[in-house]
N, C-alpha and C. Protein backbone atom coordinates (compact mmCIF):
# COMPACT_ATOMS: atom_id res chain seq x y z
N UNK A 1 -26.03 34.02 2.88
CA UNK A 1 -26.45 32.30 3.39
C UNK A 1 -27.01 32.87 3.79
N UNK A 2 -27.88 31.21 4.03
CA UNK A 2 -28.74 30.65 4.90
C UNK A 2 -28.39 29.83 6.34
N UNK A 3 -29.32 30.27 7.03
CA UNK A 3 -28.66 28.95 8.62
C UNK A 3 -30.41 28.26 9.55
N UNK A 4 -30.46 27.21 9.43
CA UNK A 4 -32.03 26.85 9.64
C UNK A 4 -31.04 25.81 10.93
N UNK A 5 -31.73 26.03 12.68
CA UNK A 5 -31.52 25.06 13.38
C UNK A 5 -32.23 24.26 13.87
N UNK A 6 -32.16 23.05 14.63
CA UNK A 6 -32.69 22.38 15.01
C UNK A 6 -33.27 21.01 13.59
N UNK A 7 -32.63 20.73 12.24
CA UNK A 7 -32.95 20.43 11.19
C UNK A 7 -32.29 19.00 11.65
N UNK A 8 -32.60 17.92 11.39
CA UNK A 8 -32.08 16.99 11.11
C UNK A 8 -31.33 16.33 9.83
N UNK A 9 -30.00 15.79 9.20
CA UNK A 9 -29.66 15.08 8.36
C UNK A 9 -30.52 14.35 7.64
N UNK A 10 -31.61 13.63 8.43
CA UNK A 10 -32.65 12.93 7.82
C UNK A 10 -33.43 13.81 6.51
N UNK A 11 -33.30 14.67 6.77
CA UNK A 11 -34.67 16.47 6.63
C UNK A 11 -33.85 16.95 4.86
N UNK A 12 -32.69 16.39 5.17
CA UNK A 12 -32.13 17.62 4.16
C UNK A 12 -31.84 16.37 3.07
N UNK A 13 -31.78 17.11 1.57
CA UNK A 13 -31.90 16.34 0.80
C UNK A 13 -30.62 17.34 -0.45
N UNK A 14 -29.84 17.00 -1.02
CA UNK A 14 -28.91 17.61 -1.99
C UNK A 14 -29.53 17.27 -3.24
N UNK A 15 -29.61 18.07 -3.56
CA UNK A 15 -30.22 18.64 -5.58
C UNK A 15 -29.75 18.36 -6.35
N UNK A 16 -29.59 17.37 -7.32
CA UNK A 16 -28.55 17.30 -8.45
C UNK A 16 -29.67 16.75 -10.11
N UNK A 17 -28.75 16.83 -11.01
CA UNK A 17 -29.33 16.26 -11.78
C UNK A 17 -28.33 15.52 -13.10
N UNK A 18 -28.59 14.10 -13.08
CA UNK A 18 -26.95 13.52 -12.79
C UNK A 18 -26.69 13.93 -14.12
N UNK A 19 -27.93 13.70 -15.18
CA UNK A 19 -28.03 13.46 -16.78
C UNK A 19 -27.71 14.86 -17.50
N UNK A 20 -27.16 15.82 -16.31
CA UNK A 20 -27.00 17.27 -17.15
C UNK A 20 -26.16 18.05 -15.64
N UNK A 21 -26.19 17.96 -14.52
CA UNK A 21 -25.36 18.19 -13.64
C UNK A 21 -25.01 17.10 -12.07
N UNK A 22 -22.99 16.86 -12.38
CA UNK A 22 -23.09 16.26 -11.29
C UNK A 22 -22.93 16.83 -9.84
N UNK A 23 -23.12 15.80 -9.24
CA UNK A 23 -22.93 16.44 -7.47
C UNK A 23 -22.15 17.22 -7.65
N UNK A 24 -21.86 18.40 -6.63
CA UNK A 24 -20.30 19.44 -6.74
C UNK A 24 -19.24 18.70 -6.25
N UNK A 25 -19.09 17.47 -5.22
CA UNK A 25 -18.31 17.24 -4.37
C UNK A 25 -17.64 16.52 -5.91
N UNK A 26 -18.59 16.49 -7.14
CA UNK A 26 -17.18 15.59 -7.97
C UNK A 26 -16.17 16.10 -8.71
N UNK A 27 -16.36 17.73 -8.71
CA UNK A 27 -15.52 18.44 -9.05
C UNK A 27 -14.57 19.33 -8.36
N UNK A 28 -15.20 19.04 -7.00
CA UNK A 28 -14.11 19.86 -6.13
C UNK A 28 -14.39 21.03 -4.88
N UNK A 29 -15.61 21.27 -5.29
CA UNK A 29 -16.30 23.06 -4.67
C UNK A 29 -16.77 22.96 -3.44
N UNK A 30 -17.34 23.89 -3.18
CA UNK A 30 -17.53 23.85 -1.77
C UNK A 30 -18.84 24.56 -1.47
N UNK A 31 -19.65 24.15 -2.92
CA UNK A 31 -21.26 25.07 -2.89
C UNK A 31 -22.38 23.68 -3.36
N UNK A 32 -23.72 23.78 -3.00
CA UNK A 32 -24.61 22.88 -3.63
C UNK A 32 -26.01 23.80 -4.02
N UNK A 33 -25.68 22.95 -5.78
CA UNK A 33 -26.92 23.43 -6.42
C UNK A 33 -28.14 23.75 -5.94
N UNK A 34 -28.59 23.06 -5.18
CA UNK A 34 -29.77 22.94 -4.61
C UNK A 34 -30.06 22.26 -3.08
N UNK A 35 -30.88 22.49 -2.14
CA UNK A 35 -31.25 21.85 -1.84
C UNK A 35 -32.81 22.06 -1.15
N UNK A 36 -33.04 20.43 -0.75
CA UNK A 36 -34.68 20.73 -0.15
C UNK A 36 -34.47 20.51 1.61
N UNK A 37 -35.61 21.08 2.04
CA UNK A 37 -35.05 20.80 3.63
C UNK A 37 -36.86 20.40 3.53
N UNK A 38 -37.11 19.13 3.91
CA UNK A 38 -38.90 18.64 4.37
C UNK A 38 -38.64 18.37 5.65
N UNK A 39 -39.87 19.26 6.28
CA UNK A 39 -41.17 19.40 7.73
C UNK A 39 -41.72 18.81 7.72
N UNK A 40 -42.29 18.45 8.22
CA UNK A 40 -43.64 17.65 9.18
C UNK A 40 -44.71 17.60 8.26
N UNK A 41 -44.76 19.15 7.14
CA UNK A 41 -46.17 19.50 7.04
C UNK A 41 -45.51 20.24 5.31
N UNK A 42 -43.99 20.40 5.05
CA UNK A 42 -43.97 21.46 4.15
C UNK A 42 -43.01 21.23 3.27
N UNK A 43 -42.19 21.45 2.38
CA UNK A 43 -40.58 21.09 1.94
C UNK A 43 -40.39 22.24 1.86
N UNK A 44 -39.63 23.32 2.06
CA UNK A 44 -38.19 24.52 1.95
C UNK A 44 -37.39 24.41 0.27
N UNK A 45 -37.28 24.65 -1.09
CA UNK A 45 -36.49 23.94 -1.21
C UNK A 45 -35.28 25.30 -1.47
N UNK A 46 -34.15 25.95 -1.45
CA UNK A 46 -33.59 26.28 -1.82
C UNK A 46 -32.87 26.08 -2.85
N UNK A 47 -31.98 26.81 -3.80
CA UNK A 47 -31.88 26.53 -4.79
C UNK A 47 -30.14 27.73 -5.10
N UNK A 48 -29.68 27.41 -5.19
CA UNK A 48 -28.28 28.08 -5.58
C UNK A 48 -28.02 28.65 -6.84
N UNK A 49 -27.58 30.14 -7.21
CA UNK A 49 -27.77 31.24 -8.32
C UNK A 49 -26.13 30.31 -9.10
N UNK A 50 -26.51 29.12 -8.81
CA UNK A 50 -25.16 28.59 -10.15
C UNK A 50 -25.23 27.27 -11.50
N UNK A 51 -25.74 28.37 -12.26
CA UNK A 51 -26.37 27.45 -12.79
C UNK A 51 -25.82 27.44 -14.17
N UNK A 52 -25.25 28.30 -14.03
CA UNK A 52 -24.26 28.05 -15.67
C UNK A 52 -23.08 27.48 -15.08
N UNK A 53 -22.59 26.26 -14.33
CA UNK A 53 -21.91 25.41 -14.24
C UNK A 53 -22.24 24.29 -14.67
N UNK A 54 -21.67 23.61 -15.69
CA UNK A 54 -22.04 22.69 -16.18
C UNK A 54 -21.21 20.96 -15.31
N UNK A 55 -22.17 20.08 -15.55
CA UNK A 55 -21.93 18.79 -14.65
C UNK A 55 -20.24 18.30 -14.61
N UNK A 56 -19.13 19.35 -15.36
CA UNK A 56 -17.97 18.73 -14.80
C UNK A 56 -17.24 20.29 -14.97
N UNK A 57 -18.11 21.18 -13.80
CA UNK A 57 -17.66 22.09 -13.12
C UNK A 57 -17.51 23.26 -13.53
N UNK A 58 -17.16 23.08 -15.67
CA UNK A 58 -16.84 24.33 -15.56
C UNK A 58 -18.15 25.80 -16.34
N UNK A 59 -17.58 26.68 -16.44
CA UNK A 59 -18.58 27.87 -16.64
C UNK A 59 -19.54 27.69 -18.47
N UNK A 60 -20.39 27.65 -18.36
CA UNK A 60 -21.58 27.41 -19.75
C UNK A 60 -21.33 28.49 -20.47
N UNK A 61 -21.65 29.94 -19.51
CA UNK A 61 -22.14 31.05 -19.97
C UNK A 61 -21.15 31.85 -19.84
N UNK A 62 -19.75 31.74 -20.63
CA UNK A 62 -18.89 32.88 -19.59
C UNK A 62 -19.15 34.14 -19.53
N UNK A 63 -19.26 34.51 -20.44
CA UNK A 63 -20.09 36.14 -21.25
C UNK A 63 -20.87 36.76 -19.39
N UNK A 64 -21.35 35.08 -19.08
CA UNK A 64 -21.73 35.80 -18.07
C UNK A 64 -21.77 36.58 -16.90
N UNK A 65 -20.76 35.71 -16.55
CA UNK A 65 -19.68 35.54 -15.21
C UNK A 65 -20.04 37.04 -14.86
N UNK A 66 -19.40 37.17 -13.17
CA UNK A 66 -19.11 38.44 -13.15
C UNK A 66 -17.71 39.02 -13.29
N UNK A 67 -16.98 37.51 -13.47
CA UNK A 67 -15.98 38.21 -13.91
C UNK A 67 -15.43 38.99 -15.66
N UNK A 68 -16.41 38.28 -16.18
CA UNK A 68 -16.25 39.15 -17.59
C UNK A 68 -16.43 40.37 -17.72
N UNK A 69 -15.57 40.95 -18.30
CA UNK A 69 -16.09 42.54 -18.50
C UNK A 69 -17.20 43.49 -19.15
N UNK A 70 -18.19 42.03 -19.47
CA UNK A 70 -19.23 42.68 -19.89
C UNK A 70 -21.05 42.86 -18.95
N UNK A 71 -20.31 41.96 -17.61
CA UNK A 71 -20.32 41.54 -16.45
C UNK A 71 -21.06 43.21 -15.51
């Protein structure tokens, strides 16, 4: 988990790729795929480890899931 104080809502941009990955609220989860925070002189991008979740909220590579016996 990562927390930053003093950030305004206008500095936060939730990242998504509509052709491949829907916004996470569309399938009812409580994480974000990525977030960009813009400061006056730089931009930090934080990327989640949810790359195997498709735009429908399904696991694309279940064999790589931590719930898989092979993991």
